[in-house]
């Protein structure tokens, strides 16, 4: 049964490409990303006035995501990445920040969501490397993660575009509520990402390519 949903996840993310990876950079059949490529820029948040910063020590923003942080087994057996979430740190959000949320979108694939972690306690200033895959992950007490494409997996899903040079945007949002309203464990990653982006009071981002 586990093998069946792994195969199904690979198919939803777009199997049958021509580069030998078994994956396609685009949104697979039946998968609705929920946004267009300009969704982050058009979210209503003034990026130019963002009063805080977010970064990772794993790579330089705009450069290639190292293999450790790309998709791979057991989720996608044909890829060689470690599917380890990168270490991420940030400065304090603006006045009114009650929690943080992080959303990763593949902007070269219509904004496909690769990670949505929310209800991150306001006292935290970092996410450790390799956040466990779970609805309520260990090592980030209080935070919650979205399920990825109905796979039964809650958590980080690394860049998986087979080296096509897709752009992945890692966006940290300062949130006005300690707990994201209107979502549950059963909410889709698109519903959660949209809820985060629609109520964000400020955001900061960095990018990676693959």
C-alpha atoms as a PDB file:
ATOM      1  CA  UNK A   1       0.000   0.000   0.000  1.00  0.00           C
ATOM      2  CA  UNK A   2       2.866   2.384   0.873  1.00  0.00           C
ATOM      3  CA  UNK A   3       4.416   1.721  -2.539  1.00  0.00           C
ATOM      4  CA  UNK A   4       1.118   2.611  -4.204  1.00  0.00           C
ATOM      5  CA  UNK A   5       0.859   6.049  -2.638  1.00  0.00           C
ATOM      6  CA  UNK A   6       4.543   6.770  -3.355  1.00  0.00           C
ATOM      7  CA  UNK A   7       3.936   5.966  -7.017  1.00  0.00           C
ATOM      8  CA  UNK A   8       0.756   8.060  -6.954  1.00  0.00           C
ATOM      9  CA  UNK A   9       2.620  11.030  -5.467  1.00  0.00           C
ATOM     10  CA  UNK A  10       5.303  10.816  -8.139  1.00  0.00           C
ATOM     11  CA  UNK A  11       2.583  10.710 -10.809  1.00  0.00           C
ATOM     12  CA  UNK A  12       0.770  13.718  -9.345  1.00  0.00           C
ATOM     13  CA  UNK A  13       3.977  15.730  -9.329  1.00  0.00           C
ATOM     14  CA  UNK A  14       4.459  14.895 -12.977  1.00  0.00           C
ATOM     15  CA  UNK A  15       6.113  11.643 -13.993  1.00  0.00           C
ATOM     16  CA  UNK A  16       7.294  10.740 -17.444  1.00  0.00           C
ATOM     17  CA  UNK A  17       9.675  13.574 -18.272  1.00  0.00           C
ATOM     18  CA  UNK A  18      12.499  13.322 -20.773  1.00  0.00           C
ATOM     19  CA  UNK A  19      15.498  13.927 -18.523  1.00  0.00           C
ATOM     20  CA  UNK A  20      15.559  10.508 -16.900  1.00  0.00           C
ATOM     21  CA  UNK A  21      14.505  11.635 -13.439  1.00  0.00           C
ATOM     22  CA  UNK A  22      10.930  10.367 -13.710  1.00  0.00           C
ATOM     23  CA  UNK A  23       9.585  13.761 -12.634  1.00  0.00           C
ATOM     24  CA  UNK A  24       8.258  16.795 -14.381  1.00  0.00           C
ATOM     25  CA  UNK A  25       8.676  20.402 -13.295  1.00  0.00           C
ATOM     26  CA  UNK A  26       5.087  21.243 -14.099  1.00  0.00           C
ATOM     27  CA  UNK A  27       1.952  20.565 -12.125  1.00  0.00           C
ATOM     28  CA  UNK A  28       0.878  16.986 -12.780  1.00  0.00           C
ATOM     29  CA  UNK A  29      -2.569  15.857 -13.914  1.00  0.00           C
ATOM     30  CA  UNK A  30      -5.294  16.650 -11.420  1.00  0.00           C
ATOM     31  CA  UNK A  31      -3.070  18.830  -9.211  1.00  0.00           C
ATOM     32  CA  UNK A  32      -4.214  22.413  -8.699  1.00  0.00           C
ATOM     33  CA  UNK A  33      -1.486  24.635  -7.307  1.00  0.00           C
ATOM     34  CA  UNK A  34      -4.075  27.163  -6.162  1.00  0.00           C
ATOM     35  CA  UNK A  35      -2.041  30.176  -7.341  1.00  0.00           C
ATOM     36  CA  UNK A  36      -0.442  31.642 -10.411  1.00  0.00           C
ATOM     37  CA  UNK A  37       3.250  32.444 -10.697  1.00  0.00           C
ATOM     38  CA  UNK A  38       2.710  35.963  -9.346  1.00  0.00           C
ATOM     39  CA  UNK A  39       0.854  34.899  -6.225  1.00  0.00           C
ATOM     40  CA  UNK A  40       3.574  35.768  -3.743  1.00  0.00           C
ATOM     41  CA  UNK A  41       4.207  39.162  -5.304  1.00  0.00           C
ATOM     42  CA  UNK A  42       0.477  39.896  -5.492  1.00  0.00           C
ATOM     43  CA  UNK A  43      -0.359  38.810  -1.953  1.00  0.00           C
ATOM     44  CA  UNK A  44      -0.850  42.375  -0.768  1.00  0.00           C
ATOM     45  CA  UNK A  45       2.329  42.466   1.316  1.00  0.00           C
ATOM     46  CA  UNK A  46       4.786  45.244   0.486  1.00  0.00           C
ATOM     47  CA  UNK A  47       8.010  43.299  -0.023  1.00  0.00           C
ATOM     48  CA  UNK A  48      10.076  46.482  -0.325  1.00  0.00           C
ATOM     49  CA  UNK A  49       9.144  47.557   3.222  1.00  0.00           C
ATOM     50  CA  UNK A  50       9.614  44.171   4.867  1.00  0.00           C
ATOM     51  CA  UNK A  51      11.145  44.970   8.277  1.00  0.00           C
ATOM     52  CA  UNK A  52      12.755  41.618   8.909  1.00  0.00           C
ATOM     53  CA  UNK A  53      15.015  39.139   7.132  1.00  0.00           C
ATOM     54  CA  UNK A  54      15.172  35.383   6.595  1.00  0.00           C
ATOM     55  CA  UNK A  55      18.078  33.279   5.374  1.00  0.00           C
ATOM     56  CA  UNK A  56      19.660  29.851   5.273  1.00  0.00           C
ATOM     57  CA  UNK A  57      23.265  28.814   5.718  1.00  0.00           C
ATOM     58  CA  UNK A  58      22.744  25.875   3.336  1.00  0.00           C
ATOM     59  CA  UNK A  59      23.205  27.895   0.129  1.00  0.00           C
ATOM     60  CA  UNK A  60      23.351  31.439  -1.184  1.00  0.00           C
ATOM     61  CA  UNK A  61      19.948  32.834  -2.148  1.00  0.00           C
ATOM     62  CA  UNK A  62      19.384  32.473  -5.879  1.00  0.00           C
ATOM     63  CA  UNK A  63      21.833  29.612  -6.279  1.00  0.00           C
ATOM     64  CA  UNK A  64      21.246  25.863  -6.641  1.00  0.00           C
ATOM     65  CA  UNK A  65      19.731  23.917  -3.763  1.00  0.00           C
ATOM     66  CA  UNK A  66      22.240  21.254  -2.625  1.00  0.00           C
ATOM     67  CA  UNK A  67      21.280  17.616  -3.104  1.00  0.00           C
ATOM     68  CA  UNK A  68      20.724  17.039   0.613  1.00  0.00           C
ATOM     69  CA  UNK A  69      17.716  19.370   0.513  1.00  0.00           C
ATOM     70  CA  UNK A  70      16.154  18.046  -2.720  1.00  0.00           C
ATOM     71  CA  UNK A  71      13.461  15.371  -2.960  1.00  0.00           C
ATOM     72  CA  UNK A  72      14.357  11.708  -2.774  1.00  0.00           C
ATOM     73  CA  UNK A  73      13.545   8.351  -1.166  1.00  0.00           C
ATOM     74  CA  UNK A  74      11.272   7.163   0.302  1.00  0.00           C
ATOM     75  CA  UNK A  75       8.863   9.733  -1.139  1.00  0.00           C
ATOM     76  CA  UNK A  76      10.353   9.710  -4.640  1.00  0.00           C
ATOM     77  CA  UNK A  77      12.561   6.627  -5.012  1.00  0.00           C
ATOM     78  CA  UNK A  78      13.975   7.663  -8.390  1.00  0.00           C
ATOM     79  CA  UNK A  79      15.513  10.886  -7.056  1.00  0.00           C
ATOM     80  CA  UNK A  80      18.766  11.067  -5.100  1.00  0.00           C
ATOM     81  CA  UNK A  81      18.074  13.936  -2.709  1.00  0.00           C
ATOM     82  CA  UNK A  82      17.937  13.577   1.051  1.00  0.00           C
ATOM     83  CA  UNK A  83      14.623  15.461   1.410  1.00  0.00           C
ATOM     84  CA  UNK A  84      16.083  17.216   4.462  1.00  0.00           C
ATOM     85  CA  UNK A  85      14.635  20.630   5.276  1.00  0.00           C
ATOM     86  CA  UNK A  86      17.338  23.321   5.423  1.00  0.00           C
ATOM     87  CA  UNK A  87      18.245  25.309   8.529  1.00  0.00           C
ATOM     88  CA  UNK A  88      16.389  28.627   8.368  1.00  0.00           C
ATOM     89  CA  UNK A  89      16.814  31.662  10.631  1.00  0.00           C
ATOM     90  CA  UNK A  90      15.281  35.113  10.787  1.00  0.00           C
ATOM     91  CA  UNK A  91      15.217  38.406  12.645  1.00  0.00           C
ATOM     92  CA  UNK A  92      12.226  39.487  14.708  1.00  0.00           C
ATOM     93  CA  UNK A  93       9.028  40.346  12.865  1.00  0.00           C
ATOM     94  CA  UNK A  94       7.325  43.737  13.146  1.00  0.00           C
ATOM     95  CA  UNK A  95       5.084  44.914  15.945  1.00  0.00           C
ATOM     96  CA  UNK A  96       1.941  42.800  16.042  1.00  0.00           C
ATOM     97  CA  UNK A  97       3.687  39.547  15.112  1.00  0.00           C
ATOM     98  CA  UNK A  98       2.151  36.672  17.074  1.00  0.00           C
ATOM     99  CA  UNK A  99       3.653  33.714  15.191  1.00  0.00           C
ATOM    100  CA  UNK A 100       5.477  32.825  11.998  1.00  0.00           C
ATOM    101  CA  UNK A 101       4.695  30.638   8.999  1.00  0.00           C
ATOM    102  CA  UNK A 102       6.884  29.430   6.153  1.00  0.00           C
ATOM    103  CA  UNK A 103       5.645  28.561   2.678  1.00  0.00           C
ATOM    104  CA  UNK A 104       7.771  27.178  -0.161  1.00  0.00           C
ATOM    105  CA  UNK A 105       6.445  27.495  -3.696  1.00  0.00           C
ATOM    106  CA  UNK A 106       7.911  26.312  -6.990  1.00  0.00           C
ATOM    107  CA  UNK A 107       7.245  29.468  -8.988  1.00  0.00           C
ATOM    108  CA  UNK A 108       8.271  27.738 -12.220  1.00  0.00           C
ATOM    109  CA  UNK A 109       5.440  25.238 -11.707  1.00  0.00           C
ATOM    110  CA  UNK A 110       2.557  27.621 -11.134  1.00  0.00           C
ATOM    111  CA  UNK A 111       3.321  28.155  -7.461  1.00  0.00           C
ATOM    112  CA  UNK A 112       3.170  24.481  -6.442  1.00  0.00           C
ATOM    113  CA  UNK A 113       3.452  24.270  -2.635  1.00  0.00           C
ATOM    114  CA  UNK A 114       6.401  22.219  -1.358  1.00  0.00           C
ATOM    115  CA  UNK A 115       6.127  23.068   2.343  1.00  0.00           C
ATOM    116  CA  UNK A 116       3.748  24.926   4.600  1.00  0.00           C
ATOM    117  CA  UNK A 117       4.694  25.078   8.272  1.00  0.00           C
ATOM    118  CA  UNK A 118       2.704  27.442  10.464  1.00  0.00           C
ATOM    119  CA  UNK A 119       1.918  28.375  14.093  1.00  0.00           C
ATOM    120  CA  UNK A 120       5.666  28.704  14.639  1.00  0.00           C
ATOM    121  CA  UNK A 121       5.955  30.295  18.113  1.00  0.00           C
ATOM    122  CA  UNK A 122       6.813  33.984  18.051  1.00  0.00           C
ATOM    123  CA  UNK A 123       9.778  33.446  20.398  1.00  0.00           C
ATOM    124  CA  UNK A 124      11.562  31.259  17.847  1.00  0.00           C
ATOM    125  CA  UNK A 125      14.118  32.704  15.446  1.00  0.00           C
ATOM    126  CA  UNK A 126      15.020  29.565  13.542  1.00  0.00           C
ATOM    127  CA  UNK A 127      13.921  26.242  12.143  1.00  0.00           C
ATOM    128  CA  UNK A 128      16.514  23.511  12.665  1.00  0.00           C
ATOM    129  CA  UNK A 129      17.783  21.407   9.818  1.00  0.00           C
ATOM    130  CA  UNK A 130      15.687  18.296   9.119  1.00  0.00           C
ATOM    131  CA  UNK A 131      12.366  19.174  10.723  1.00  0.00           C
ATOM    132  CA  UNK A 132      10.615  15.791  11.186  1.00  0.00           C
ATOM    133  CA  UNK A 133       7.732  14.911   8.907  1.00  0.00           C
ATOM    134  CA  UNK A 134       4.611  15.088  11.099  1.00  0.00           C
ATOM    135  CA  UNK A 135       1.526  17.253  11.525  1.00  0.00           C
ATOM    136  CA  UNK A 136       2.975  18.521  14.827  1.00  0.00           C
ATOM    137  CA  UNK A 137       6.730  18.063  14.359  1.00  0.00           C
ATOM    138  CA  UNK A 138       9.178  17.402  17.145  1.00  0.00           C
ATOM    139  CA  UNK A 139      11.906  20.028  17.558  1.00  0.00           C
ATOM    140  CA  UNK A 140       9.484  22.879  16.682  1.00  0.00           C
ATOM    141  CA  UNK A 141       7.046  22.766  19.598  1.00  0.00           C
ATOM    142  CA  UNK A 142       3.663  24.244  18.732  1.00  0.00           C
ATOM    143  CA  UNK A 143       4.167  24.343  14.968  1.00  0.00           C
ATOM    144  CA  UNK A 144       2.006  22.460  12.475  1.00  0.00           C
ATOM    145  CA  UNK A 145       2.687  21.272   8.935  1.00  0.00           C
ATOM    146  CA  UNK A 146       0.471  20.737   5.909  1.00  0.00           C
ATOM    147  CA  UNK A 147      -0.034  17.400   4.209  1.00  0.00           C
ATOM    148  CA  UNK A 148       1.566  17.258   0.765  1.00  0.00           C
ATOM    149  CA  UNK A 149      -0.795  16.498  -2.133  1.00  0.00           C
ATOM    150  CA  UNK A 150      -2.922  14.017  -0.190  1.00  0.00           C
ATOM    151  CA  UNK A 151       0.063  11.674   0.203  1.00  0.00           C
ATOM    152  CA  UNK A 152      -0.339  11.140   3.940  1.00  0.00           C
ATOM    153  CA  UNK A 153       3.028  12.880   4.439  1.00  0.00           C
ATOM    154  CA  UNK A 154       3.057  16.055   6.540  1.00  0.00           C
ATOM    155  CA  UNK A 155       6.116  18.231   6.144  1.00  0.00           C
ATOM    156  CA  UNK A 156       8.901  19.316   3.856  1.00  0.00           C
ATOM    157  CA  UNK A 157       8.998  18.138   0.258  1.00  0.00           C
ATOM    158  CA  UNK A 158      12.265  19.199  -1.357  1.00  0.00           C
ATOM    159  CA  UNK A 159      12.765  20.683  -4.821  1.00  0.00           C
ATOM    160  CA  UNK A 160      11.956  17.955  -7.307  1.00  0.00           C
ATOM    161  CA  UNK A 161      12.198  19.430 -10.800  1.00  0.00           C
ATOM    162  CA  UNK A 162      15.032  17.273 -12.102  1.00  0.00           C
ATOM    163  CA  UNK A 163      17.607  20.029 -12.536  1.00  0.00           C
ATOM    164  CA  UNK A 164      15.572  22.185 -14.916  1.00  0.00           C
ATOM    165  CA  UNK A 165      16.467  25.378 -13.093  1.00  0.00           C
ATOM    166  CA  UNK A 166      13.076  25.930 -11.478  1.00  0.00           C
ATOM    167  CA  UNK A 167      12.897  28.739  -8.926  1.00  0.00           C
ATOM    168  CA  UNK A 168      11.787  27.846  -5.400  1.00  0.00           C
ATOM    169  CA  UNK A 169      10.755  30.734  -3.154  1.00  0.00           C
ATOM    170  CA  UNK A 170      11.068  30.202   0.606  1.00  0.00           C
ATOM    171  CA  UNK A 171       8.871  32.855   2.220  1.00  0.00           C
ATOM    172  CA  UNK A 172       8.639  33.517   5.930  1.00  0.00           C
ATOM    173  CA  UNK A 173       5.474  35.312   7.024  1.00  0.00           C
ATOM    174  CA  UNK A 174       4.906  37.311  10.185  1.00  0.00           C
ATOM    175  CA  UNK A 175       1.432  36.368  11.350  1.00  0.00           C
ATOM    176  CA  UNK A 176      -1.038  38.378  13.462  1.00  0.00           C
ATOM    177  CA  UNK A 177      -2.394  35.314  15.317  1.00  0.00           C
ATOM    178  CA  UNK A 178      -0.660  32.703  17.449  1.00  0.00           C
ATOM    179  CA  UNK A 179      -2.675  30.030  15.627  1.00  0.00           C
ATOM    180  CA  UNK A 180      -3.695  30.247  11.976  1.00  0.00           C
ATOM    181  CA  UNK A 181      -7.507  30.553  11.937  1.00  0.00           C
ATOM    182  CA  UNK A 182      -9.804  28.632   9.636  1.00  0.00           C
ATOM    183  CA  UNK A 183      -7.587  25.620   8.993  1.00  0.00           C
ATOM    184  CA  UNK A 184      -7.409  22.093  10.393  1.00  0.00           C
ATOM    185  CA  UNK A 185      -5.263  18.987  10.049  1.00  0.00           C
ATOM    186  CA  UNK A 186      -7.422  18.076   7.029  1.00  0.00           C
ATOM    187  CA  UNK A 187      -6.847  21.363   5.185  1.00  0.00           C
ATOM    188  CA  UNK A 188      -4.861  21.028   1.962  1.00  0.00           C
ATOM    189  CA  UNK A 189      -1.455  22.595   1.541  1.00  0.00           C
ATOM    190  CA  UNK A 190      -2.992  25.095  -0.899  1.00  0.00           C
ATOM    191  CA  UNK A 191      -5.678  26.110   1.598  1.00  0.00           C
ATOM    192  CA  UNK A 192      -3.092  26.575   4.320  1.00  0.00           C
ATOM    193  CA  UNK A 193      -0.688  28.506   2.098  1.00  0.00           C
ATOM    194  CA  UNK A 194      -3.503  30.774   0.927  1.00  0.00           C
ATOM    195  CA  UNK A 195      -4.642  31.370   4.515  1.00  0.00           C
ATOM    196  CA  UNK A 196      -1.089  32.275   5.508  1.00  0.00           C
ATOM    197  CA  UNK A 197      -0.520  34.614   2.580  1.00  0.00           C
ATOM    198  CA  UNK A 198      -3.888  36.359   2.929  1.00  0.00           C
ATOM    199  CA  UNK A 199      -3.352  37.284   6.588  1.00  0.00           C
ATOM    200  CA  UNK A 200       0.425  37.866   6.623  1.00  0.00           C
ATOM    201  CA  UNK A 201       1.434  41.247   8.037  1.00  0.00           C
ATOM    202  CA  UNK A 202       4.970  41.132   6.609  1.00  0.00           C
ATOM    203  CA  UNK A 203       7.187  38.693   4.772  1.00  0.00           C
ATOM    204  CA  UNK A 204      10.772  37.995   3.809  1.00  0.00           C
ATOM    205  CA  UNK A 205      12.135  35.439   1.394  1.00  0.00           C
ATOM    206  CA  UNK A 206      15.105  33.769  -0.217  1.00  0.00           C
ATOM    207  CA  UNK A 207      15.276  31.519  -3.266  1.00  0.00           C
ATOM    208  CA  UNK A 208      16.922  28.401  -4.545  1.00  0.00           C
ATOM    209  CA  UNK A 209      17.011  26.721  -7.953  1.00  0.00           C
ATOM    210  CA  UNK A 210      16.994  23.137  -9.178  1.00  0.00           C
END
